[in-house]
C-alpha cells in the first residue's frame, strides 16, 4: 500500500448541490454556511461561483480540508444534501508556457525583416508550347486540331475552336429579349366560418 504525504493532498474543497440563497452576499444563509467550515479552520476562505452553483473552500492545511470533508460530506444544509469534493490541483513543471518553435513564431507574426538565411525563391520560367500555339493560331472557327493521337489504351485529345461570332450573337439576342411578366395570383374569396 502506498503512503501519501500530507503535502500531496489538496487543501481545498468544492461544495456542490447548494441552495441558491447561499450565493447572495451578506445573507444569513451565507453566514451559516461559512460558520460550518470555520470550526475546522479559522483562516478558511471562500470563492463563490454562482453561475456554476459551486463554492470553493480554501483551507490553510490539507488536514483540515480532509477533516471537513469527512464530517460534512452528504450532510443536510437548508434542506439540501451538501456534497463536498477535493479540488484537484494540476502541477505543471514550469508555471509559464514555453514559447513556440521559431518556425511557428514566424508564421504567427512575421517580423519586419526576414529571418537570417532566408532567400527569395526564384520563379520558374513558364513552359510555353510554341507548336501548340502555332497550330491553334492556324485554326479557323469550326475547325479542330488533334493534340494527341489515340492508341489502343488511350483516347485522342482534340481541340475544337468555337465560333465566337455565334456566341456573341446568342448573348446579344438573350439580352434583347424582354423578361416575361409575372402575373400575380389572385387571392381566393374568403368567407369567415363564424359570425360576430
Protein backbone atom coordinates (compact mmCIF):
# COMPACT_ATOMS: atom_id res chain seq x y z
CA UNK A 1 0.00 0.00 0.00
CA UNK A 2 1.32 3.43 -0.97
CA UNK A 3 1.84 6.06 1.65
CA UNK A 4 0.62 9.50 0.68
CA UNK A 5 2.36 12.50 2.09
CA UNK A 6 0.27 15.25 3.64
CA UNK A 7 1.63 17.78 1.14
CA UNK A 8 0.21 15.74 -1.78
CA UNK A 9 -3.35 16.12 -0.51
CA UNK A 10 -5.39 19.09 -1.75
CA UNK A 11 -6.10 21.89 0.69
CA UNK A 12 -9.34 22.98 -0.99
CA UNK A 13 -12.84 21.57 -1.28
CA UNK A 14 -15.58 22.16 -3.84
CA UNK A 15 -19.11 22.31 -2.43
CA UNK A 16 -21.99 21.32 -4.73
CA UNK A 17 -25.78 20.95 -4.52
CA UNK A 18 -26.23 24.21 -2.65
CA UNK A 19 -29.35 26.30 -2.10
CA UNK A 20 -29.38 29.49 -4.16
CA UNK A 21 -29.68 31.66 -1.03
CA UNK A 22 -26.03 30.88 -0.14
CA UNK A 23 -24.80 32.88 -3.13
CA UNK A 24 -26.36 36.18 -2.02
CA UNK A 25 -23.82 38.40 -0.24
CA UNK A 26 -24.47 39.45 3.36
CA UNK A 27 -27.30 36.96 3.76
CA UNK A 28 -27.95 34.76 6.81
CA UNK A 29 -27.56 31.59 4.70
CA UNK A 30 -24.04 32.58 3.64
CA UNK A 31 -23.06 33.29 7.24
CA UNK A 32 -24.38 29.90 8.38
CA UNK A 33 -22.57 28.15 5.52
CA UNK A 34 -19.23 29.80 6.33
CA UNK A 35 -19.67 29.03 10.05
CA UNK A 36 -19.82 25.30 9.24
CA UNK A 37 -16.27 25.39 7.86
CA UNK A 38 -14.76 27.94 10.26
CA UNK A 39 -14.99 25.31 13.03
CA UNK A 40 -12.34 23.28 11.16
CA UNK A 41 -10.07 26.17 10.15
CA UNK A 42 -10.33 29.79 11.29
CA UNK A 43 -8.33 31.04 8.23
CA UNK A 44 -10.63 29.41 5.67
CA UNK A 45 -11.52 31.47 2.55
CA UNK A 46 -14.45 31.07 0.18
CA UNK A 47 -14.84 31.63 -3.56
CA UNK A 48 -18.44 31.73 -4.79
CA UNK A 49 -19.20 30.63 -8.36
CA UNK A 50 -22.88 31.43 -8.68
CA UNK A 51 -23.19 30.51 -12.37
CA UNK A 52 -21.73 27.06 -11.66
CA UNK A 53 -23.63 26.70 -8.36
CA UNK A 54 -20.34 25.79 -6.69
CA UNK A 55 -18.24 27.18 -3.85
CA UNK A 56 -14.51 26.63 -3.50
CA UNK A 57 -13.42 26.43 0.13
CA UNK A 58 -9.67 27.03 0.67
CA UNK A 59 -8.17 25.73 3.92
CA UNK A 60 -4.76 26.55 5.38
CA UNK A 61 -3.79 22.87 5.56
CA UNK A 62 -4.79 19.65 3.76
CA UNK A 63 -5.55 18.01 7.12
CA UNK A 64 -8.30 20.49 7.99
CA UNK A 65 -9.73 20.11 4.45
CA UNK A 66 -9.85 16.33 4.84
CA UNK A 67 -11.42 16.64 8.30
CA UNK A 68 -14.15 18.97 6.98
CA UNK A 69 -14.86 16.67 4.04
CA UNK A 70 -15.18 13.59 6.25
CA UNK A 71 -17.55 15.27 8.71
CA UNK A 72 -19.68 17.45 6.38
CA UNK A 73 -19.96 15.40 3.16
CA UNK A 74 -23.60 14.38 2.49
CA UNK A 75 -24.93 16.29 5.49
CA UNK A 76 -28.12 18.33 5.20
CA UNK A 77 -27.85 22.11 4.84
CA UNK A 78 -31.02 24.22 4.40
CA UNK A 79 -32.99 21.22 3.15
CA UNK A 80 -30.38 20.05 0.61
CA UNK A 81 -27.74 17.34 0.85
CA UNK A 82 -24.32 19.06 0.87
CA UNK A 83 -21.77 17.38 -1.40
CA UNK A 84 -18.06 18.06 -0.93
CA UNK A 85 -15.21 17.08 -3.26
CA UNK A 86 -11.49 17.68 -3.09
CA UNK A 87 -10.37 20.35 -5.54
CA UNK A 88 -7.88 18.77 -7.89
CA UNK A 89 -4.63 20.61 -8.33
CA UNK A 90 -2.62 20.37 -11.52
CA UNK A 91 1.13 20.63 -11.11
CA UNK A 92 2.96 21.62 -14.26
CA UNK A 93 6.76 21.62 -14.25
CA UNK A 94 7.06 25.27 -15.24
CA UNK A 95 4.20 27.65 -14.40
CA UNK A 96 4.87 29.63 -17.61
CA UNK A 97 4.14 28.46 -21.13
CA UNK A 98 7.13 27.78 -23.36
CA UNK A 99 7.41 29.99 -26.44
CA UNK A 100 6.53 28.30 -29.73
CA UNK A 101 9.22 26.99 -32.05
CA UNK A 102 10.96 29.66 -34.18
CA UNK A 103 9.31 28.35 -37.38
CA UNK A 104 5.88 28.71 -35.83
CA UNK A 105 6.71 32.15 -34.44
CA UNK A 106 7.46 33.35 -37.96
CA UNK A 107 4.11 32.01 -39.18
CA UNK A 108 2.16 33.59 -36.31
CA UNK A 109 3.58 37.07 -36.62
CA UNK A 110 6.13 37.69 -39.36
CA UNK A 111 8.87 40.12 -38.38
CA UNK A 112 9.59 43.36 -40.23
CA UNK A 113 12.62 41.76 -41.86
CA UNK A 114 13.00 38.12 -42.93
CA UNK A 115 14.89 35.69 -40.70
CA UNK A 116 18.62 35.15 -41.12
CA UNK A 117 19.44 32.91 -44.07
CA UNK A 118 16.10 33.39 -45.81
CA UNK A 119 16.30 33.68 -49.60
CA UNK A 120 13.54 34.50 -52.00
CA UNK A 121 12.71 31.61 -54.28
CA UNK A 122 13.17 32.34 -57.96
CA UNK A 123 10.04 31.76 -60.00
CA UNK A 124 10.45 29.13 -62.67
CA UNK A 125 10.04 30.33 -66.23
CA UNK A 126 6.70 29.22 -67.67
CA UNK A 127 6.72 26.37 -70.14
CA UNK A 128 5.32 27.58 -73.45
CA UNK A 129 4.48 25.06 -76.12
CA UNK A 130 5.09 27.08 -79.30
CA UNK A 131 3.98 24.20 -81.54
CA UNK A 132 0.59 24.18 -79.87
CA UNK A 133 0.25 27.98 -80.09
CA UNK A 134 1.21 27.90 -83.79
CA UNK A 135 -1.28 25.13 -84.55
CA UNK A 136 -4.10 26.92 -82.72
CA UNK A 137 -3.34 30.21 -84.48
CA UNK A 138 -3.75 28.49 -87.86
CA UNK A 139 -7.15 27.15 -86.93
CA UNK A 140 -10.27 28.93 -88.01
CA UNK A 141 -13.72 28.86 -86.42
CA UNK A 142 -15.31 25.40 -86.52
CA UNK A 143 -12.04 23.55 -87.20
CA UNK A 144 -10.37 21.02 -84.91
CA UNK A 145 -6.79 20.07 -84.08
CA UNK A 146 -5.67 16.70 -82.72
CA UNK A 147 -3.17 17.17 -79.91
CA UNK A 148 -2.66 13.52 -79.10
CA UNK A 149 -3.45 10.61 -81.38
CA UNK A 150 -5.46 7.73 -79.99
CA UNK A 151 -3.76 4.43 -79.15
CA UNK A 152 -5.17 1.09 -78.04
CA UNK A 153 -5.06 2.13 -74.38
CA UNK A 154 -5.53 5.94 -74.54
CA UNK A 155 -8.12 8.22 -76.16
CA UNK A 156 -7.23 11.01 -78.52
CA UNK A 157 -7.11 14.64 -77.36
CA UNK A 158 -8.74 17.03 -79.81
CA UNK A 159 -9.15 20.83 -79.59
CA UNK A 160 -12.29 22.30 -81.19
CA UNK A 161 -12.25 26.00 -81.94
CA UNK A 162 -15.61 27.63 -81.21
CA UNK A 163 -17.29 30.18 -83.39
CA UNK A 164 -17.00 33.36 -81.36
CA UNK A 165 -19.40 35.33 -83.59
CA UNK A 166 -22.27 32.92 -82.99
CA UNK A 167 -21.75 33.01 -79.22
CA UNK A 168 -21.77 36.81 -79.19
CA UNK A 169 -24.97 36.88 -81.27
CA UNK A 170 -26.68 34.44 -78.92
CA UNK A 171 -25.73 36.56 -75.89
CA UNK A 172 -26.99 39.73 -77.61
CA UNK A 173 -30.29 38.03 -78.55
CA UNK A 174 -30.79 36.89 -74.96
CA UNK A 175 -30.13 40.42 -73.69
CA UNK A 176 -32.61 41.94 -76.20
CA UNK A 177 -35.49 39.63 -75.28
CA UNK A 178 -37.88 41.22 -72.77
CA UNK A 179 -38.30 39.46 -69.48
CA UNK A 180 -41.65 37.68 -69.15
CA UNK A 181 -44.10 39.45 -66.92
CA UNK A 182 -45.10 37.53 -63.82
CA UNK A 183 -48.84 37.68 -63.30
CA UNK A 184 -49.81 37.88 -59.66
CA UNK A 185 -52.13 35.14 -58.43
CA UNK A 186 -55.50 36.40 -57.29
CA UNK A 187 -56.43 35.82 -53.67
CA UNK A 188 -59.30 33.37 -53.28
CA UNK A 189 -62.57 34.63 -51.90
CA UNK A 190 -62.66 34.48 -48.12
CA UNK A 191 -65.77 33.61 -46.20
CA UNK A 192 -65.44 33.69 -42.41
CA UNK A 193 -66.50 30.47 -40.70
CA UNK A 194 -68.00 32.30 -37.74
CA UNK A 195 -70.32 35.26 -37.38
CA UNK A 196 -69.97 38.02 -34.87
